[in-house]
Amino acid sequence: MKINPKNFFNRRIDEFQDNWVSTITKQQGEYKEQQIANWIFNNCNGRFCMKKDVHYDRSGVKTITRIAFEIPSDLTLFYLSGLAQEQ
């Protein structure tokens, strides 16, 4: 079993920094959001943030979930998992 020393601190935080990489998905329900957070916690190494947000574009206003990662390779792994495409 591999022990991640970052697990001793809170890896899911409420706010992300400007230099973090992020992606947006449609707004997730609480159950789906918890599934995604568990997957990130088990498969990624760095800190992450999941935040509900509003996105404005030409088609109107949409509610989204922004998922940000401290380590860019964690975002790549998240994309490859297919969880980012489930919309």
N, C-alpha and C. Protein backbone atom coordinates (compact mmCIF):
# COMPACT_ATOMS: atom_id res chain seq x y z
N MET A 1 0.84 -1.18 0.00
CA MET A 1 0.00 0.00 0.00
C MET A 1 0.88 1.24 0.00
N LYS A 2 0.61 2.16 -0.91
CA LYS A 2 1.37 3.39 -1.01
C LYS A 2 0.73 4.46 -0.12
N ILE A 3 1.52 5.05 0.75
CA ILE A 3 1.02 6.09 1.64
C ILE A 3 1.38 7.45 1.05
N ASN A 4 0.37 8.28 0.87
CA ASN A 4 0.58 9.63 0.37
C ASN A 4 0.70 10.57 1.57
N PRO A 5 1.87 11.18 1.78
CA PRO A 5 2.02 12.06 2.95
C PRO A 5 1.09 13.27 2.93
N LYS A 6 0.58 13.63 1.76
CA LYS A 6 -0.35 14.76 1.68
C LYS A 6 -1.72 14.41 2.26
N ASN A 7 -1.98 13.11 2.48
CA ASN A 7 -3.26 12.71 3.05
C ASN A 7 -3.41 13.13 4.52
N PHE A 8 -2.32 13.50 5.16
CA PHE A 8 -2.39 13.93 6.55
C PHE A 8 -2.93 15.35 6.66
N PHE A 9 -3.02 16.04 5.55
CA PHE A 9 -3.58 17.38 5.50
C PHE A 9 -4.84 17.34 4.64
N ASN A 10 -5.63 18.36 4.69
CA ASN A 10 -6.85 18.42 3.90
C ASN A 10 -6.50 18.66 2.44
N ARG A 11 -6.72 17.67 1.59
CA ARG A 11 -6.38 17.81 0.17
C ARG A 11 -7.48 18.49 -0.62
N ARG A 12 -8.72 18.39 -0.17
CA ARG A 12 -9.81 19.09 -0.85
C ARG A 12 -10.01 20.42 -0.13
N ILE A 13 -9.76 21.49 -0.86
CA ILE A 13 -9.86 22.81 -0.26
C ILE A 13 -10.99 23.60 -0.92
N ASP A 14 -11.35 24.72 -0.29
CA ASP A 14 -12.50 25.49 -0.76
C ASP A 14 -12.18 26.48 -1.87
N GLU A 15 -10.96 27.00 -1.90
CA GLU A 15 -10.57 27.99 -2.90
C GLU A 15 -9.30 27.53 -3.61
N PHE A 16 -9.19 27.82 -4.89
CA PHE A 16 -7.98 27.47 -5.62
C PHE A 16 -7.23 28.73 -6.02
N GLN A 17 -5.94 28.55 -6.25
CA GLN A 17 -5.06 29.66 -6.63
C GLN A 17 -5.16 29.91 -8.13
N ASP A 18 -4.69 31.07 -8.57
CA ASP A 18 -4.74 31.42 -9.99
C ASP A 18 -3.82 30.55 -10.85
N ASN A 19 -2.76 30.01 -10.26
CA ASN A 19 -1.82 29.22 -11.05
C ASN A 19 -2.21 27.75 -11.15
N TRP A 20 -3.33 27.35 -10.57
CA TRP A 20 -3.80 25.98 -10.68
C TRP A 20 -4.46 25.77 -12.05
N VAL A 21 -4.46 24.54 -12.52
CA VAL A 21 -5.14 24.21 -13.78
C VAL A 21 -6.55 23.72 -13.43
N SER A 22 -7.50 24.06 -14.30
CA SER A 22 -8.89 23.71 -13.98
C SER A 22 -9.65 23.32 -15.23
N THR A 23 -10.78 22.70 -15.00
CA THR A 23 -11.72 22.34 -16.05
C THR A 23 -13.12 22.60 -15.53
N ILE A 24 -14.05 22.69 -16.45
CA ILE A 24 -15.44 22.90 -16.02
C ILE A 24 -16.29 21.75 -16.54
N THR A 25 -17.28 21.36 -15.76
CA THR A 25 -18.26 20.36 -16.16
C THR A 25 -19.63 20.91 -15.82
N LYS A 26 -20.66 20.26 -16.31
CA LYS A 26 -22.00 20.73 -15.93
C LYS A 26 -22.16 20.51 -14.43
N GLN A 27 -23.07 21.23 -13.82
CA GLN A 27 -23.22 21.14 -12.38
C GLN A 27 -23.62 19.72 -11.99
N GLN A 28 -22.89 19.17 -11.05
CA GLN A 28 -23.08 17.80 -10.60
C GLN A 28 -23.97 17.79 -9.36
N GLY A 29 -24.71 16.71 -9.18
CA GLY A 29 -25.46 16.52 -7.94
C GLY A 29 -24.49 16.15 -6.81
N GLU A 30 -24.99 16.15 -5.60
CA GLU A 30 -24.13 15.87 -4.45
C GLU A 30 -23.53 14.47 -4.51
N TYR A 31 -24.30 13.48 -4.94
CA TYR A 31 -23.79 12.10 -5.01
C TYR A 31 -22.68 11.98 -6.05
N LYS A 32 -22.92 12.53 -7.23
CA LYS A 32 -21.91 12.45 -8.30
C LYS A 32 -20.66 13.24 -7.92
N GLU A 33 -20.85 14.39 -7.26
CA GLU A 33 -19.71 15.18 -6.82
C GLU A 33 -18.87 14.42 -5.80
N GLN A 34 -19.52 13.68 -4.91
CA GLN A 34 -18.80 12.88 -3.93
C GLN A 34 -18.05 11.73 -4.60
N GLN A 35 -18.65 11.12 -5.63
CA GLN A 35 -17.96 10.07 -6.39
C GLN A 35 -16.71 10.61 -7.06
N ILE A 36 -16.81 11.78 -7.68
CA ILE A 36 -15.66 12.39 -8.34
C ILE A 36 -14.58 12.73 -7.32
N ALA A 37 -14.97 13.29 -6.18
CA ALA A 37 -14.00 13.64 -5.13
C ALA A 37 -13.30 12.39 -4.61
N ASN A 38 -14.03 11.30 -4.42
CA ASN A 38 -13.41 10.05 -3.97
C ASN A 38 -12.43 9.52 -5.00
N TRP A 39 -12.80 9.60 -6.29
CA TRP A 39 -11.90 9.13 -7.34
C TRP A 39 -10.62 9.96 -7.34
N ILE A 40 -10.75 11.28 -7.25
CA ILE A 40 -9.57 12.16 -7.24
C ILE A 40 -8.71 11.86 -6.02
N PHE A 41 -9.34 11.69 -4.86
CA PHE A 41 -8.60 11.42 -3.64
C PHE A 41 -7.80 10.12 -3.75
N ASN A 42 -8.38 9.09 -4.38
CA ASN A 42 -7.72 7.79 -4.48
C ASN A 42 -6.69 7.71 -5.60
N ASN A 43 -6.84 8.49 -6.67
CA ASN A 43 -5.99 8.31 -7.84
C ASN A 43 -5.03 9.45 -8.12
N CYS A 44 -5.22 10.60 -7.50
CA CYS A 44 -4.35 11.75 -7.74
C CYS A 44 -3.53 12.05 -6.50
N ASN A 45 -2.49 12.86 -6.67
CA ASN A 45 -1.56 13.11 -5.56
C ASN A 45 -1.69 14.47 -4.91
N GLY A 46 -2.05 15.48 -5.65
CA GLY A 46 -2.03 16.85 -5.12
C GLY A 46 -3.36 17.30 -4.55
N ARG A 47 -3.37 18.58 -4.18
CA ARG A 47 -4.60 19.18 -3.67
C ARG A 47 -5.54 19.50 -4.83
N PHE A 48 -6.84 19.57 -4.52
CA PHE A 48 -7.82 19.88 -5.55
C PHE A 48 -8.96 20.67 -4.94
N CYS A 49 -9.75 21.28 -5.80
CA CYS A 49 -10.88 22.09 -5.37
C CYS A 49 -12.05 21.82 -6.32
N MET A 50 -13.23 21.61 -5.76
CA MET A 50 -14.46 21.50 -6.56
C MET A 50 -15.37 22.61 -6.09
N LYS A 51 -15.76 23.45 -7.03
CA LYS A 51 -16.51 24.65 -6.66
C LYS A 51 -17.64 24.88 -7.65
N LYS A 52 -18.82 25.13 -7.14
CA LYS A 52 -19.95 25.49 -8.00
C LYS A 52 -19.77 26.93 -8.44
N ASP A 53 -20.06 27.20 -9.71
CA ASP A 53 -19.80 28.52 -10.27
C ASP A 53 -20.85 28.81 -11.34
N VAL A 54 -20.81 30.00 -11.87
CA VAL A 54 -21.71 30.42 -12.95
C VAL A 54 -20.85 30.76 -14.15
N HIS A 55 -21.27 30.29 -15.33
CA HIS A 55 -20.53 30.53 -16.57
C HIS A 55 -21.43 31.30 -17.53
N TYR A 56 -20.91 32.41 -18.04
CA TYR A 56 -21.65 33.24 -18.99
C TYR A 56 -21.08 33.03 -20.38
N ASP A 57 -21.94 32.79 -21.35
CA ASP A 57 -21.51 32.74 -22.74
C ASP A 57 -22.66 33.23 -23.62
N ARG A 58 -22.52 33.10 -24.91
CA ARG A 58 -23.53 33.63 -25.84
C ARG A 58 -24.89 32.95 -25.70
N SER A 59 -24.87 31.68 -25.30
CA SER A 59 -26.14 30.96 -25.19
C SER A 59 -26.86 31.25 -23.88
N GLY A 60 -26.22 31.94 -22.97
CA GLY A 60 -26.89 32.30 -21.72
C GLY A 60 -26.03 32.01 -20.50
N VAL A 61 -26.70 31.87 -19.41
CA VAL A 61 -26.04 31.62 -18.13
C VAL A 61 -26.20 30.15 -17.77
N LYS A 62 -25.10 29.50 -17.38
CA LYS A 62 -25.14 28.09 -16.99
C LYS A 62 -24.50 27.93 -15.63
N THR A 63 -25.04 27.03 -14.84
CA THR A 63 -24.37 26.69 -13.58
C THR A 63 -23.44 25.51 -13.86
N ILE A 64 -22.22 25.62 -13.36
CA ILE A 64 -21.19 24.63 -13.64
C ILE A 64 -20.50 24.23 -12.35
N THR A 65 -19.71 23.17 -12.45
CA THR A 65 -18.80 22.78 -11.38
C THR A 65 -17.39 22.94 -11.92
N ARG A 66 -16.58 23.76 -11.28
CA ARG A 66 -15.19 23.95 -11.68
C ARG A 66 -14.32 23.06 -10.80
N ILE A 67 -13.50 22.23 -11.44
CA ILE A 67 -12.61 21.33 -10.74
C ILE A 67 -11.19 21.78 -11.05
N ALA A 68 -10.45 22.15 -10.01
CA ALA A 68 -9.09 22.68 -10.18
C ALA A 68 -8.10 21.78 -9.46
N PHE A 69 -6.92 21.66 -10.07
CA PHE A 69 -5.86 20.81 -9.53
C PHE A 69 -4.59 21.62 -9.34
N GLU A 70 -3.88 21.33 -8.27
CA GLU A 70 -2.60 21.99 -8.02
C GLU A 70 -1.52 21.45 -8.95
N ILE A 71 -1.57 20.16 -9.24
CA ILE A 71 -0.58 19.51 -10.09
C ILE A 71 -1.20 19.27 -11.47
N PRO A 72 -0.61 19.82 -12.54
CA PRO A 72 -1.21 19.67 -13.87
C PRO A 72 -1.38 18.22 -14.32
N SER A 73 -0.51 17.32 -13.91
CA SER A 73 -0.64 15.93 -14.33
C SER A 73 -1.88 15.27 -13.73
N ASP A 74 -2.37 15.78 -12.60
CA ASP A 74 -3.61 15.26 -12.03
C ASP A 74 -4.80 15.59 -12.93
N LEU A 75 -4.79 16.76 -13.55
CA LEU A 75 -5.84 17.11 -14.50
C LEU A 75 -5.80 16.21 -15.73
N THR A 76 -4.61 15.91 -16.20
CA THR A 76 -4.46 14.99 -17.34
C THR A 76 -5.02 13.62 -17.00
N LEU A 77 -4.69 13.11 -15.82
CA LEU A 77 -5.20 11.83 -15.38
C LEU A 77 -6.72 11.86 -15.25
N PHE A 78 -7.26 12.97 -14.77
CA PHE A 78 -8.70 13.12 -14.64
C PHE A 78 -9.37 13.09 -16.01
N TYR A 79 -8.78 13.77 -17.00
CA TYR A 79 -9.32 13.72 -18.36
C TYR A 79 -9.28 12.30 -18.93
N LEU A 80 -8.17 11.62 -18.71
CA LEU A 80 -8.02 10.27 -19.26
C LEU A 80 -8.96 9.27 -18.60
N SER A 81 -9.41 9.54 -17.40
CA SER A 81 -10.31 8.63 -16.70
C SER A 81 -11.70 8.60 -17.33
N GLY A 82 -12.07 9.67 -18.03
CA GLY A 82 -13.38 9.76 -18.63
C GLY A 82 -14.41 10.46 -17.77
N LEU A 83 -14.07 10.79 -16.54
CA LEU A 83 -15.02 11.46 -15.66
C LEU A 83 -15.32 12.88 -16.12
N ALA A 84 -14.38 13.52 -16.78
CA ALA A 84 -14.59 14.89 -17.24
C ALA A 84 -15.54 14.93 -18.43
N GLN A 85 -15.64 13.85 -19.18
CA GLN A 85 -16.49 13.83 -20.36
C GLN A 85 -17.92 13.43 -20.06
N GLU A 86 -18.20 12.93 -18.85
CA GLU A 86 -19.56 12.53 -18.50
C GLU A 86 -20.42 13.77 -18.23
N GLN A 87 -21.05 14.24 -19.28
CA GLN A 87 -21.87 15.44 -19.15
C GLN A 87 -23.26 15.21 -19.61
